[in-house]
Amino acid sequence: MADKLPLDWIFYQHKYEYALGKGKYDDPQYVALMPSMDKFNEYILSCSTAEFTKTIVEIFRDHYPVNFLSIDSMLSWDEKTETCIEGKAFRKAGDIKQIYFETDEDGLVLEKVLFKYTNKQTDANKWVETGLEGKAYSKTVQGGFTTYKLVNEVIEKVEVNEMEFRLYVNSNKAPE
């Protein structure tokens, strides 16, 4: 499904990222991409559990999402208190109990995306495989998890079972 969403914003590295006194909102290209971010936000908060899982995999399938923190903020934003609550997912379906975007110690490079489903998802493996479509991977089952390992890709591996999803990012693929 991610291939049908406008995702340019998530991969766009704004030109003022390291400029003193300038920010992403000073970059006209970034500002022009904001409606796409809003459309994605609306989708990711209301799509089915299957589409949510596939979309997370598809986002990382081909490119490192520079603006991954925006996804974390969208999912963790509590409209009642107008704050982000780390680890809490505010999807309308209530199907994701916890979600974490784990970064390196500087908070700049994403290392893992982890979430737990609120109910058993017996088709979670199928959703991951659909998200990985077109990529070569090895598949193993051990300790209750199915693991999909990729070589020299943005996704290092995905571990999934009926209650939990873990996507590990190849930090060597992050832009410098």
C-alpha atoms as a PDB file:
ATOM      1  CA  MET A   1       0.000   0.000   0.000  1.00  0.00           C
ATOM      2  CA  ALA A   2       2.871   2.389   0.671  1.00  0.00           C
ATOM      3  CA  ASP A   3       3.546   2.530  -3.067  1.00  0.00           C
ATOM      4  CA  LYS A   4       0.152   4.223  -3.508  1.00  0.00           C
ATOM      5  CA  LEU A   5       0.802   6.854  -0.817  1.00  0.00           C
ATOM      6  CA  PRO A   6       2.713  10.086  -1.422  1.00  0.00           C
ATOM      7  CA  LEU A   7       5.931   9.302   0.470  1.00  0.00           C
ATOM      8  CA  ASP A   8       8.422  11.813  -0.957  1.00  0.00           C
ATOM      9  CA  TRP A   9       8.306  13.729   2.326  1.00  0.00           C
ATOM     10  CA  ILE A  10       9.568  10.785   4.385  1.00  0.00           C
ATOM     11  CA  PHE A  11      12.713  10.381   2.278  1.00  0.00           C
ATOM     12  CA  TYR A  12      13.409  14.100   1.766  1.00  0.00           C
ATOM     13  CA  GLN A  13      16.423  15.479   3.614  1.00  0.00           C
ATOM     14  CA  HIS A  14      15.775  19.185   3.937  1.00  0.00           C
ATOM     15  CA  LYS A  15      18.547  21.427   2.727  1.00  0.00           C
ATOM     16  CA  TYR A  16      18.884  23.443   5.952  1.00  0.00           C
ATOM     17  CA  GLU A  17      19.348  20.450   8.258  1.00  0.00           C
ATOM     18  CA  TYR A  18      22.800  21.561   9.393  1.00  0.00           C
ATOM     19  CA  ALA A  19      22.490  25.316   8.822  1.00  0.00           C
ATOM     20  CA  LEU A  20      22.601  27.582  11.852  1.00  0.00           C
ATOM     21  CA  GLY A  21      19.458  29.630  12.307  1.00  0.00           C
ATOM     22  CA  LYS A  22      17.528  27.676   9.691  1.00  0.00           C
ATOM     23  CA  GLY A  23      15.141  24.763   9.998  1.00  0.00           C
ATOM     24  CA  LYS A  24      13.075  22.455   7.848  1.00  0.00           C
ATOM     25  CA  TYR A  25      10.242  24.983   7.661  1.00  0.00           C
ATOM     26  CA  ASP A  26      12.638  27.415   5.925  1.00  0.00           C
ATOM     27  CA  ASP A  27      13.027  24.924   3.070  1.00  0.00           C
ATOM     28  CA  PRO A  28      10.261  25.593   0.502  1.00  0.00           C
ATOM     29  CA  GLN A  29      10.497  22.027  -0.886  1.00  0.00           C
ATOM     30  CA  TYR A  30       9.886  20.552   2.580  1.00  0.00           C
ATOM     31  CA  VAL A  31       6.915  22.870   3.131  1.00  0.00           C
ATOM     32  CA  ALA A  32       5.513  21.850  -0.278  1.00  0.00           C
ATOM     33  CA  LEU A  33       5.658  18.193   0.826  1.00  0.00           C
ATOM     34  CA  MET A  34       3.635  18.786   4.013  1.00  0.00           C
ATOM     35  CA  PRO A  35       0.222  17.995   2.441  1.00  0.00           C
ATOM     36  CA  SER A  36       1.622  14.560   1.544  1.00  0.00           C
ATOM     37  CA  MET A  37       2.654  14.113   5.173  1.00  0.00           C
ATOM     38  CA  ASP A  38      -0.876  14.991   6.288  1.00  0.00           C
ATOM     39  CA  LYS A  39      -2.381  12.482   3.847  1.00  0.00           C
ATOM     40  CA  PHE A  40      -0.009   9.768   5.100  1.00  0.00           C
ATOM     41  CA  ASN A  41      -0.818  10.661   8.701  1.00  0.00           C
ATOM     42  CA  GLU A  42      -4.528  10.281   8.055  1.00  0.00           C
ATOM     43  CA  TYR A  43      -3.956   6.913   6.393  1.00  0.00           C
ATOM     44  CA  ILE A  44      -1.535   5.414   8.932  1.00  0.00           C
ATOM     45  CA  LEU A  45      -3.831   6.267  11.832  1.00  0.00           C
ATOM     46  CA  SER A  46      -6.923   4.673  10.282  1.00  0.00           C
ATOM     47  CA  CYS A  47      -5.861   1.822   7.952  1.00  0.00           C
ATOM     48  CA  SER A  48      -6.355  -1.864   8.788  1.00  0.00           C
ATOM     49  CA  THR A  49      -3.836  -3.763  10.922  1.00  0.00           C
ATOM     50  CA  ALA A  50      -2.693  -5.635   7.812  1.00  0.00           C
ATOM     51  CA  GLU A  51      -2.155  -2.407   5.840  1.00  0.00           C
ATOM     52  CA  PHE A  52      -0.365  -0.794   8.787  1.00  0.00           C
ATOM     53  CA  THR A  53       2.103  -3.679   9.075  1.00  0.00           C
ATOM     54  CA  LYS A  54       2.683  -3.872   5.315  1.00  0.00           C
ATOM     55  CA  THR A  55       3.142  -0.102   5.081  1.00  0.00           C
ATOM     56  CA  ILE A  56       5.798  -0.033   7.814  1.00  0.00           C
ATOM     57  CA  VAL A  57       7.737  -2.757   5.959  1.00  0.00           C
ATOM     58  CA  GLU A  58       7.255  -1.088   2.560  1.00  0.00           C
ATOM     59  CA  ILE A  59       8.515   2.279   3.831  1.00  0.00           C
ATOM     60  CA  PHE A  60      11.854   0.685   4.687  1.00  0.00           C
ATOM     61  CA  ARG A  61      11.968  -1.765   1.773  1.00  0.00           C
ATOM     62  CA  ASP A  62      13.891   0.409  -0.693  1.00  0.00           C
ATOM     63  CA  HIS A  63      15.036   3.600   1.066  1.00  0.00           C
ATOM     64  CA  TYR A  64      16.030   4.838   4.498  1.00  0.00           C
ATOM     65  CA  PRO A  65      13.231   7.150   5.713  1.00  0.00           C
ATOM     66  CA  VAL A  66      15.070  10.283   6.820  1.00  0.00           C
ATOM     67  CA  ASN A  67      11.944  11.691   8.485  1.00  0.00           C
ATOM     68  CA  PHE A  68      11.102   8.567  10.494  1.00  0.00           C
ATOM     69  CA  LEU A  69      10.568  10.648  13.640  1.00  0.00           C
ATOM     70  CA  SER A  70       7.491  12.176  11.992  1.00  0.00           C
ATOM     71  CA  ILE A  71       5.890   8.715  11.863  1.00  0.00           C
ATOM     72  CA  ASP A  72       6.735   8.151  15.512  1.00  0.00           C
ATOM     73  CA  SER A  73       5.224  11.534  16.438  1.00  0.00           C
ATOM     74  CA  MET A  74       2.065  10.870  14.416  1.00  0.00           C
ATOM     75  CA  LEU A  75       1.446   7.549  16.078  1.00  0.00           C
ATOM     76  CA  SER A  76       2.337   8.729  19.597  1.00  0.00           C
ATOM     77  CA  TRP A  77       0.403  12.013  19.562  1.00  0.00           C
ATOM     78  CA  ASP A  78      -2.332  12.171  22.195  1.00  0.00           C
ATOM     79  CA  GLU A  79      -4.876  14.718  20.965  1.00  0.00           C
ATOM     80  CA  LYS A  80      -6.502  14.992  24.406  1.00  0.00           C
ATOM     81  CA  THR A  81      -3.338  16.103  26.188  1.00  0.00           C
ATOM     82  CA  GLU A  82      -1.621  17.481  23.055  1.00  0.00           C
ATOM     83  CA  THR A  83       1.592  15.608  23.878  1.00  0.00           C
ATOM     84  CA  CYS A  84       3.597  12.722  22.494  1.00  0.00           C
ATOM     85  CA  ILE A  85       3.578   9.667  24.705  1.00  0.00           C
ATOM     86  CA  GLU A  86       6.524   7.409  23.938  1.00  0.00           C
ATOM     87  CA  GLY A  87       5.556   3.802  23.305  1.00  0.00           C
ATOM     88  CA  LYS A  88       1.807   4.463  23.065  1.00  0.00           C
ATOM     89  CA  ALA A  89       0.078   4.120  19.712  1.00  0.00           C
ATOM     90  CA  PHE A  90      -3.036   6.213  19.043  1.00  0.00           C
ATOM     91  CA  ARG A  91      -4.351   4.387  16.005  1.00  0.00           C
ATOM     92  CA  LYS A  92      -8.126   4.627  15.664  1.00  0.00           C
ATOM     93  CA  ALA A  93      -8.487   0.831  15.541  1.00  0.00           C
ATOM     94  CA  GLY A  94      -6.709   0.407  18.886  1.00  0.00           C
ATOM     95  CA  ASP A  95      -4.915  -2.578  17.335  1.00  0.00           C
ATOM     96  CA  ILE A  96      -1.362  -1.555  18.268  1.00  0.00           C
ATOM     97  CA  LYS A  97      -0.645  -1.574  21.994  1.00  0.00           C
ATOM     98  CA  GLN A  98       2.911  -0.243  22.019  1.00  0.00           C
ATOM     99  CA  ILE A  99       5.214   1.155  19.366  1.00  0.00           C
ATOM    100  CA  TYR A 100       8.824   2.231  19.627  1.00  0.00           C
ATOM    101  CA  PHE A 101      11.231   3.791  17.158  1.00  0.00           C
ATOM    102  CA  GLU A 102      14.625   3.050  18.728  1.00  0.00           C
ATOM    103  CA  THR A 103      17.577   5.178  17.637  1.00  0.00           C
ATOM    104  CA  ASP A 104      21.306   5.347  18.263  1.00  0.00           C
ATOM    105  CA  GLU A 105      22.439   7.265  21.341  1.00  0.00           C
ATOM    106  CA  ASP A 106      22.434  10.561  19.396  1.00  0.00           C
ATOM    107  CA  GLY A 107      18.813  10.009  18.343  1.00  0.00           C
ATOM    108  CA  LEU A 108      19.700  10.507  14.679  1.00  0.00           C
ATOM    109  CA  VAL A 109      19.915   6.995  13.204  1.00  0.00           C
ATOM    110  CA  LEU A 110      16.993   4.628  13.460  1.00  0.00           C
ATOM    111  CA  GLU A 111      17.953   1.138  14.611  1.00  0.00           C
ATOM    112  CA  LYS A 112      14.620  -0.624  15.234  1.00  0.00           C
ATOM    113  CA  VAL A 113      10.870  -0.281  14.891  1.00  0.00           C
ATOM    114  CA  LEU A 114       9.034  -2.406  17.438  1.00  0.00           C
ATOM    115  CA  PHE A 115       5.334  -2.789  18.072  1.00  0.00           C
ATOM    116  CA  LYS A 116       2.945  -5.112  19.830  1.00  0.00           C
ATOM    117  CA  TYR A 117      -0.500  -5.995  18.615  1.00  0.00           C
ATOM    118  CA  THR A 118      -3.404  -5.853  21.072  1.00  0.00           C
ATOM    119  CA  ASN A 119      -4.811  -9.146  19.708  1.00  0.00           C
ATOM    120  CA  LYS A 120      -3.328 -12.187  17.984  1.00  0.00           C
ATOM    121  CA  GLN A 121      -2.638 -11.550  14.302  1.00  0.00           C
ATOM    122  CA  THR A 122      -2.387 -14.973  12.676  1.00  0.00           C
ATOM    123  CA  ASP A 123      -1.629 -13.462   9.238  1.00  0.00           C
ATOM    124  CA  ALA A 124       1.220 -11.186  10.385  1.00  0.00           C
ATOM    125  CA  ASN A 125       3.792 -13.324   8.519  1.00  0.00           C
ATOM    126  CA  LYS A 126       1.843 -12.928   5.284  1.00  0.00           C
ATOM    127  CA  TRP A 127       1.723  -9.159   5.750  1.00  0.00           C
ATOM    128  CA  VAL A 128       5.496  -8.979   6.200  1.00  0.00           C
ATOM    129  CA  GLU A 129       6.054 -11.162   3.123  1.00  0.00           C
ATOM    130  CA  THR A 130       3.765  -8.921   1.075  1.00  0.00           C
ATOM    131  CA  GLY A 131       5.673  -5.864   2.306  1.00  0.00           C
ATOM    132  CA  LEU A 132       8.986  -7.478   1.330  1.00  0.00           C
ATOM    133  CA  GLU A 133       7.755  -8.408  -2.143  1.00  0.00           C
ATOM    134  CA  GLY A 134      10.527  -8.052  -4.704  1.00  0.00           C
ATOM    135  CA  LYS A 135      13.330  -8.443  -2.162  1.00  0.00           C
ATOM    136  CA  ALA A 136      15.480 -11.537  -1.611  1.00  0.00           C
ATOM    137  CA  TYR A 137      15.394 -12.811   1.957  1.00  0.00           C
ATOM    138  CA  SER A 138      15.930 -15.937   4.012  1.00  0.00           C
ATOM    139  CA  LYS A 139      13.167 -17.100   6.335  1.00  0.00           C
ATOM    140  CA  THR A 140      13.644 -19.033   9.588  1.00  0.00           C
ATOM    141  CA  VAL A 141      11.367 -19.917  12.476  1.00  0.00           C
ATOM    142  CA  GLN A 142      12.828 -20.032  15.962  1.00  0.00           C
ATOM    143  CA  GLY A 143      11.680 -19.216  19.479  1.00  0.00           C
ATOM    144  CA  GLY A 144       8.153 -18.393  18.388  1.00  0.00           C
ATOM    145  CA  PHE A 145       9.260 -15.784  15.832  1.00  0.00           C
ATOM    146  CA  THR A 146       9.553 -15.948  12.074  1.00  0.00           C
ATOM    147  CA  THR A 147      12.685 -14.075  11.000  1.00  0.00           C
ATOM    148  CA  TYR A 148      13.202 -12.590   7.541  1.00  0.00           C
ATOM    149  CA  LYS A 149      16.864 -11.684   6.923  1.00  0.00           C
ATOM    150  CA  LEU A 150      17.936  -9.467   4.052  1.00  0.00           C
ATOM    151  CA  VAL A 151      21.442  -8.761   2.789  1.00  0.00           C
ATOM    152  CA  ASN A 152      22.748  -5.290   1.949  1.00  0.00           C
ATOM    153  CA  GLU A 153      19.295  -3.692   2.225  1.00  0.00           C
ATOM    154  CA  VAL A 154      17.810  -0.944   4.411  1.00  0.00           C
ATOM    155  CA  ILE A 155      15.969  -3.654   6.319  1.00  0.00           C
ATOM    156  CA  GLU A 156      18.469  -5.911   8.053  1.00  0.00           C
ATOM    157  CA  LYS A 157      15.790  -8.265   9.342  1.00  0.00           C
ATOM    158  CA  VAL A 158      12.172  -8.487  10.431  1.00  0.00           C
ATOM    159  CA  GLU A 159      11.017 -10.685  13.297  1.00  0.00           C
ATOM    160  CA  VAL A 160       7.304 -11.286  13.696  1.00  0.00           C
ATOM    161  CA  ASN A 161       4.844 -13.504  15.522  1.00  0.00           C
ATOM    162  CA  GLU A 162       1.118 -13.257  16.267  1.00  0.00           C
ATOM    163  CA  MET A 163       1.640 -10.587  18.942  1.00  0.00           C
ATOM    164  CA  GLU A 164       4.844  -8.718  18.097  1.00  0.00           C
ATOM    165  CA  PHE A 165       6.682  -7.071  15.182  1.00  0.00           C
ATOM    166  CA  ARG A 166      10.364  -6.071  15.114  1.00  0.00           C
ATOM    167  CA  LEU A 167      12.059  -4.398  12.143  1.00  0.00           C
ATOM    168  CA  TYR A 168      15.842  -3.924  12.393  1.00  0.00           C
ATOM    169  CA  VAL A 169      17.390  -1.224  10.227  1.00  0.00           C
ATOM    170  CA  ASN A 170      20.782  -1.523   8.549  1.00  0.00           C
ATOM    171  CA  SER A 171      22.454   1.603   9.958  1.00  0.00           C
ATOM    172  CA  ASN A 172      24.974   1.556   7.088  1.00  0.00           C
ATOM    173  CA  LYS A 173      22.124   2.568   4.767  1.00  0.00           C
ATOM    174  CA  ALA A 174      21.335   5.761   6.707  1.00  0.00           C
ATOM    175  CA  PRO A 175      22.367   8.927   4.856  1.00  0.00           C
ATOM    176  CA  GLU A 176      25.382  10.738   6.257  1.00  0.00           C
END
